[in-house]
């Protein structure tokens, strides 16, 4: 495993961080950060975590600082790891709950007139976030949050909003504090940042965190507009904040540090867009681009652009599909054989299943785990010694997970291995 991933849990040690004389951040207690602003007669809470247990732990820490009632809760966006502890912070005070009028990108939250593949989303979400994996053997961190966070009360504390913000920029006075709520689409189209001009503190939601941005989440998302997200970085820079409170990871201090970091973020997104678009115009396919587009070294080496959470290759694929659809431009792809048919033919061409097994063992011995996985999938699709192939695939997935610094990828491999192992146990194989 990479040294930086080994050190990752230490980064997320729990602490209450003071951002200004009356602004506090709960860090490392949950997947996402929670902020408290102490006002004249009450508290303003910004974001509320994904579980009621994490929210209770944070509220207990906040109560060491102030016993004022919570009268206002602001939700920067609708992802469940930001909205699901609201009822805990509300206590018995019936606070106003303020959020964007744009609505959710998450089909597990948003009510729609037509059914969606929610079971598929739930399964993939469990894999991406490593839900149920053991700490620290299987899960170390989620890329932008701690791996040992409490999961009791997942999604249980959501509250209906009492005020929806539809304007691009809205000024509010809450608890005697003047704030601005500004629409800033990025990771989601409903993103809303909170600007506290007197203290020059900007709460950016998930438009920035210490990782290459998750331009595509492998749990499954609709297209996240890359150009819009990059433009939002310019919007955030324009506030000229002296403190930046992100939705995940630690805060940034100092106007120049913030300006430089957000500029790197913007430039990384725009680089991926430009290189992918130019490659598409040159006739390259989606997989050719996914394997060739890289961040330039001066950006790739920045700690805030390491691929702990987002992945450049996943982003390239997402931009291609999001702007051009599934067809990669190669006419062969228009009539692709079924996986079972293609697998049977490839196994026959290789000289039979045993020849494929010899290549698999050679690949595993050389640490060429991706090639081993692709060969194993062919055996599974063709139903050639499928139980043995599933068992081997589980083992290779665990081997492949070890070297991943991208936490969603690592979790997806291990969780999928566990599912395969459970299927074999259930079948008595």
Foldseek 3Di string as FASTA:
>chain_A
DDPVLVCVQVLQPWDWDDPDPFKIWTTQQALWIKMWGDFQQAIEIEFQAFFQVSNLVVVVVVVVVPPHAHAEYEYQADDNRGAQNVQNSNPPVPHAYEFAPPDHQDPVPDDDPDDDPVVLLVLLVCLLQVVPPDPPPQAQASLQHGPPHDCHGGSPRGDDHPYHDHDQWDWDQDSNFIKIWGQQAFCHNRGIKIARLVQLEIEGEALFTQEQHAQDRRSDTAHTDLLSSLVSLVVVLVSLGQWYHYGTGDIDGGSVVSNVVSNLNSVQSVQLVVQLVVCVVVLDFLVVSLVPRDDPPVSCPDRSHHQQAHDSSVNSNSVCCNVPNDDRNDVCVVDDDDLQVVLVVVQVVLPHDVSLVVVLVVCVVVVVLVVNLVSLSSCCSNVPVNLVSLLVQLVSLQSVLPPDSHSSSSSNSNSSSVVSVVVCVVVVD
